[in-house]
Amino acid sequence: MEFTALLGQVQQICAQETSSRTEKLQGICDLLKENISYYDWVGFYFRNGDKEELILGPYAGAETDHTVIPFGKGICGQVAVSNQNFVVPDVSAQDNYIACSMTVKSEIVVPLFVNGANIGQIDIDSETLDAFGVADERFLEQVNVEVVKLY
């Protein structure tokens, strides 16, 4: 399925009046994992109040031990500090990578901003080397625009 059609489905999920925010976020994770073949793990991490750490939110894919990530650690922790998208073509080339699974080859993380503050991020892992391109980045930025409307 192409990104434009998926974005429309993300918008529909976010517009569901009877679903909680958590249910909507879970629905987005499930939608992306099921419809994009190289999105092997899709999840959200959110800032834990005033603490300099991220806590795992809804996700689709294999279970992870990384439910709390300190700022600066791993790709997600680096994005929490830099406030910039981070595309990693080959996770084995990253010194500061936290391995979630031996099968993960590449990762993309795109931050979520509410009123200019970084509140979290969407994190995608792929078992394909160099899986993510500019189109993925733009698509996930658009997904985050819809997610931010939930806050």
C-alpha atoms as a PDB file:
ATOM      1  CA  MET A   1       0.000   0.000   0.000  1.00  0.00           C
ATOM      2  CA  GLU A   2       1.312   3.439  -0.818  1.00  0.00           C
ATOM      3  CA  PHE A   3       2.047   6.117   1.782  1.00  0.00           C
ATOM      4  CA  THR A   4      -0.786   8.436   0.668  1.00  0.00           C
ATOM      5  CA  ALA A   5      -3.424   5.756   1.235  1.00  0.00           C
ATOM      6  CA  LEU A   6      -1.864   4.802   4.566  1.00  0.00           C
ATOM      7  CA  LEU A   7      -1.848   8.427   5.704  1.00  0.00           C
ATOM      8  CA  GLY A   8      -5.583   8.573   4.993  1.00  0.00           C
ATOM      9  CA  GLN A   9      -6.060   5.505   7.196  1.00  0.00           C
ATOM     10  CA  VAL A  10      -3.927   7.106   9.942  1.00  0.00           C
ATOM     11  CA  GLN A  11      -6.218  10.145   9.779  1.00  0.00           C
ATOM     12  CA  GLN A  12      -9.268   7.881  10.077  1.00  0.00           C
ATOM     13  CA  ILE A  13      -7.785   6.144  13.130  1.00  0.00           C
ATOM     14  CA  CYS A  14      -7.033   9.495  14.781  1.00  0.00           C
ATOM     15  CA  ALA A  15     -10.581  10.716  14.090  1.00  0.00           C
ATOM     16  CA  GLN A  16     -12.279   7.781  15.849  1.00  0.00           C
ATOM     17  CA  GLU A  17     -14.265   9.390  18.636  1.00  0.00           C
ATOM     18  CA  THR A  18     -14.863   6.199  20.613  1.00  0.00           C
ATOM     19  CA  SER A  19     -11.206   5.168  20.852  1.00  0.00           C
ATOM     20  CA  SER A  20      -8.738   6.291  23.512  1.00  0.00           C
ATOM     21  CA  ARG A  21      -5.426   7.916  22.568  1.00  0.00           C
ATOM     22  CA  THR A  22      -3.630   4.669  23.449  1.00  0.00           C
ATOM     23  CA  GLU A  23      -5.982   2.662  21.221  1.00  0.00           C
ATOM     24  CA  LYS A  24      -5.408   5.099  18.363  1.00  0.00           C
ATOM     25  CA  LEU A  25      -1.618   4.913  18.740  1.00  0.00           C
ATOM     26  CA  GLN A  26      -1.818   1.112  18.825  1.00  0.00           C
ATOM     27  CA  GLY A  27      -3.965   1.191  15.697  1.00  0.00           C
ATOM     28  CA  ILE A  28      -1.347   3.284  13.888  1.00  0.00           C
ATOM     29  CA  CYS A  29       1.446   0.900  14.934  1.00  0.00           C
ATOM     30  CA  ASP A  30      -0.547  -2.118  13.744  1.00  0.00           C
ATOM     31  CA  LEU A  31      -1.489  -0.416  10.459  1.00  0.00           C
ATOM     32  CA  LEU A  32       2.088   0.514   9.569  1.00  0.00           C
ATOM     33  CA  LYS A  33       3.596  -2.829  10.562  1.00  0.00           C
ATOM     34  CA  GLU A  34       0.946  -4.800   8.648  1.00  0.00           C
ATOM     35  CA  ASN A  35       1.068  -2.702   5.474  1.00  0.00           C
ATOM     36  CA  ILE A  36       4.734  -1.806   4.962  1.00  0.00           C
ATOM     37  CA  SER A  37       6.721  -4.977   4.423  1.00  0.00           C
ATOM     38  CA  TYR A  38      10.019  -3.650   5.756  1.00  0.00           C
ATOM     39  CA  TYR A  39       8.528  -2.049   8.916  1.00  0.00           C
ATOM     40  CA  ASP A  40       9.273  -4.967  11.230  1.00  0.00           C
ATOM     41  CA  TRP A  41       8.773  -3.121  14.545  1.00  0.00           C
ATOM     42  CA  VAL A  42       6.745   0.075  14.935  1.00  0.00           C
ATOM     43  CA  GLY A  43       6.383   1.878  18.236  1.00  0.00           C
ATOM     44  CA  PHE A  44       6.119   5.120  20.116  1.00  0.00           C
ATOM     45  CA  TYR A  45       8.318   6.324  22.946  1.00  0.00           C
ATOM     46  CA  PHE A  46       7.292   9.291  25.098  1.00  0.00           C
ATOM     47  CA  ARG A  47       9.123  11.587  27.475  1.00  0.00           C
ATOM     48  CA  ASN A  48       8.536  10.467  31.055  1.00  0.00           C
ATOM     49  CA  GLY A  49       7.282  13.723  32.606  1.00  0.00           C
ATOM     50  CA  ASP A  50      10.214  15.930  33.626  1.00  0.00           C
ATOM     51  CA  LYS A  51      12.657  13.020  33.673  1.00  0.00           C
ATOM     52  CA  GLU A  52      15.343  12.804  31.003  1.00  0.00           C
ATOM     53  CA  GLU A  53      14.102   9.426  29.796  1.00  0.00           C
ATOM     54  CA  LEU A  54      11.691   7.896  27.333  1.00  0.00           C
ATOM     55  CA  ILE A  55       9.080   5.300  28.195  1.00  0.00           C
ATOM     56  CA  LEU A  56       7.698   2.796  25.718  1.00  0.00           C
ATOM     57  CA  GLY A  57       4.183   3.429  24.504  1.00  0.00           C
ATOM     58  CA  PRO A  58       2.076   1.356  22.111  1.00  0.00           C
ATOM     59  CA  TYR A  59       3.996  -0.780  19.624  1.00  0.00           C
ATOM     60  CA  ALA A  60       3.598  -3.589  17.098  1.00  0.00           C
ATOM     61  CA  GLY A  61       6.238  -6.258  16.689  1.00  0.00           C
ATOM     62  CA  ALA A  62       8.388  -8.414  18.902  1.00  0.00           C
ATOM     63  CA  GLU A  63       8.472  -7.676  22.619  1.00  0.00           C
ATOM     64  CA  THR A  64      11.319  -5.449  23.746  1.00  0.00           C
ATOM     65  CA  ASP A  65      13.206  -5.125  27.019  1.00  0.00           C
ATOM     66  CA  HIS A  66      13.783  -1.437  26.223  1.00  0.00           C
ATOM     67  CA  THR A  67      10.798   0.040  28.047  1.00  0.00           C
ATOM     68  CA  VAL A  68      12.829   2.941  29.491  1.00  0.00           C
ATOM     69  CA  ILE A  69      15.566   4.692  27.477  1.00  0.00           C
ATOM     70  CA  PRO A  70      17.716   7.445  29.025  1.00  0.00           C
ATOM     71  CA  PHE A  71      18.176  10.586  26.935  1.00  0.00           C
ATOM     72  CA  GLY A  72      21.329  10.280  24.839  1.00  0.00           C
ATOM     73  CA  LYS A  73      21.352   6.455  24.798  1.00  0.00           C
ATOM     74  CA  GLY A  74      20.661   4.585  21.591  1.00  0.00           C
ATOM     75  CA  ILE A  75      19.022   6.077  18.525  1.00  0.00           C
ATOM     76  CA  CYS A  76      15.816   7.014  20.371  1.00  0.00           C
ATOM     77  CA  GLY A  77      17.724   8.649  23.219  1.00  0.00           C
ATOM     78  CA  GLN A  78      19.811  10.631  20.751  1.00  0.00           C
ATOM     79  CA  VAL A  79      16.682  11.922  18.981  1.00  0.00           C
ATOM     80  CA  ALA A  80      15.275  13.000  22.369  1.00  0.00           C
ATOM     81  CA  VAL A  81      18.333  15.272  22.708  1.00  0.00           C
ATOM     82  CA  SER A  82      18.868  16.385  19.093  1.00  0.00           C
ATOM     83  CA  ASN A  83      15.187  16.937  18.175  1.00  0.00           C
ATOM     84  CA  GLN A  84      16.137  15.749  14.668  1.00  0.00           C
ATOM     85  CA  ASN A  85      15.068  12.801  12.551  1.00  0.00           C
ATOM     86  CA  PHE A  86      17.624   9.997  12.648  1.00  0.00           C
ATOM     87  CA  VAL A  87      17.876   7.474   9.811  1.00  0.00           C
ATOM     88  CA  VAL A  88      20.302   4.626  10.442  1.00  0.00           C
ATOM     89  CA  PRO A  89      21.042   2.594   7.283  1.00  0.00           C
ATOM     90  CA  ASP A  90      23.140   0.032   9.196  1.00  0.00           C
ATOM     91  CA  VAL A  91      22.717  -0.246  12.965  1.00  0.00           C
ATOM     92  CA  SER A  92      25.941  -2.251  13.262  1.00  0.00           C
ATOM     93  CA  ALA A  93      27.864   0.894  12.254  1.00  0.00           C
ATOM     94  CA  GLN A  94      26.446   2.890  15.214  1.00  0.00           C
ATOM     95  CA  ASP A  95      28.545   3.046  18.395  1.00  0.00           C
ATOM     96  CA  ASN A  96      25.609   4.224  20.507  1.00  0.00           C
ATOM     97  CA  TYR A  97      23.061   1.657  19.316  1.00  0.00           C
ATOM     98  CA  ILE A  98      20.884  -0.301  21.753  1.00  0.00           C
ATOM     99  CA  ALA A  99      20.190  -3.660  20.119  1.00  0.00           C
ATOM    100  CA  CYS A 100      16.543  -4.648  20.452  1.00  0.00           C
ATOM    101  CA  SER A 101      17.001  -7.746  18.323  1.00  0.00           C
ATOM    102  CA  MET A 102      19.852  -9.400  16.483  1.00  0.00           C
ATOM    103  CA  THR A 103      17.726  -9.322  13.322  1.00  0.00           C
ATOM    104  CA  VAL A 104      17.370  -5.500  13.195  1.00  0.00           C
ATOM    105  CA  LYS A 105      19.506  -4.022  10.431  1.00  0.00           C
ATOM    106  CA  SER A 106      18.246  -0.428  10.085  1.00  0.00           C
ATOM    107  CA  GLU A 107      16.169   2.078  12.045  1.00  0.00           C
ATOM    108  CA  ILE A 108      14.371   5.382  11.624  1.00  0.00           C
ATOM    109  CA  VAL A 109      13.238   7.653  14.458  1.00  0.00           C
ATOM    110  CA  VAL A 110      11.148  10.807  13.938  1.00  0.00           C
ATOM    111  CA  PRO A 111      10.397  13.116  16.902  1.00  0.00           C
ATOM    112  CA  LEU A 112       6.938  14.313  17.947  1.00  0.00           C
ATOM    113  CA  PHE A 113       6.497  17.967  18.884  1.00  0.00           C
ATOM    114  CA  VAL A 114       3.602  19.548  20.778  1.00  0.00           C
ATOM    115  CA  ASN A 115       3.793  23.339  21.035  1.00  0.00           C
ATOM    116  CA  GLY A 116       7.482  23.187  20.120  1.00  0.00           C
ATOM    117  CA  ALA A 117       8.346  20.635  22.825  1.00  0.00           C
ATOM    118  CA  ASN A 118       9.651  17.159  21.935  1.00  0.00           C
ATOM    119  CA  ILE A 119       7.185  14.843  23.713  1.00  0.00           C
ATOM    120  CA  GLY A 120       8.296  11.603  22.098  1.00  0.00           C
ATOM    121  CA  GLN A 121       8.906   9.860  18.827  1.00  0.00           C
ATOM    122  CA  ILE A 122       7.897   7.167  16.422  1.00  0.00           C
ATOM    123  CA  ASP A 123      10.521   4.435  16.088  1.00  0.00           C
ATOM    124  CA  ILE A 124      10.664   1.912  13.242  1.00  0.00           C
ATOM    125  CA  ASP A 125      13.059  -1.038  13.047  1.00  0.00           C
ATOM    126  CA  SER A 126      13.680  -3.041   9.893  1.00  0.00           C
ATOM    127  CA  GLU A 127      15.339  -6.373   9.320  1.00  0.00           C
ATOM    128  CA  THR A 128      16.403  -4.981   5.915  1.00  0.00           C
ATOM    129  CA  LEU A 129      19.689  -3.130   5.532  1.00  0.00           C
ATOM    130  CA  ASP A 130      19.296   0.516   4.420  1.00  0.00           C
ATOM    131  CA  ALA A 131      15.492   0.164   4.391  1.00  0.00           C
ATOM    132  CA  PHE A 132      14.495   3.787   4.925  1.00  0.00           C
ATOM    133  CA  GLY A 133      14.629   6.689   2.496  1.00  0.00           C
ATOM    134  CA  VAL A 134      13.459  10.261   2.267  1.00  0.00           C
ATOM    135  CA  ALA A 135       9.926   9.081   1.402  1.00  0.00           C
ATOM    136  CA  ASP A 136       9.750   7.185   4.721  1.00  0.00           C
ATOM    137  CA  GLU A 137      10.969  10.259   6.589  1.00  0.00           C
ATOM    138  CA  ARG A 138       8.363  12.539   4.999  1.00  0.00           C
ATOM    139  CA  PHE A 139       5.618   9.953   5.543  1.00  0.00           C
ATOM    140  CA  LEU A 140       6.465   9.503   9.236  1.00  0.00           C
ATOM    141  CA  GLU A 141       6.602  13.279   9.695  1.00  0.00           C
ATOM    142  CA  GLN A 142       3.052  13.413   8.292  1.00  0.00           C
ATOM    143  CA  VAL A 143       1.983  10.564  10.590  1.00  0.00           C
ATOM    144  CA  ASN A 144       3.347  12.555  13.531  1.00  0.00           C
ATOM    145  CA  VAL A 145       1.370  15.649  12.439  1.00  0.00           C
ATOM    146  CA  GLU A 146      -1.774  13.532  12.857  1.00  0.00           C
ATOM    147  CA  VAL A 147      -0.581  12.011  16.165  1.00  0.00           C
ATOM    148  CA  VAL A 148       0.124  15.460  17.631  1.00  0.00           C
ATOM    149  CA  LYS A 149      -3.561  16.351  17.126  1.00  0.00           C
ATOM    150  CA  LEU A 150      -4.317  13.744  19.812  1.00  0.00           C
ATOM    151  CA  TYR A 151      -2.534  15.888  22.449  1.00  0.00           C
END
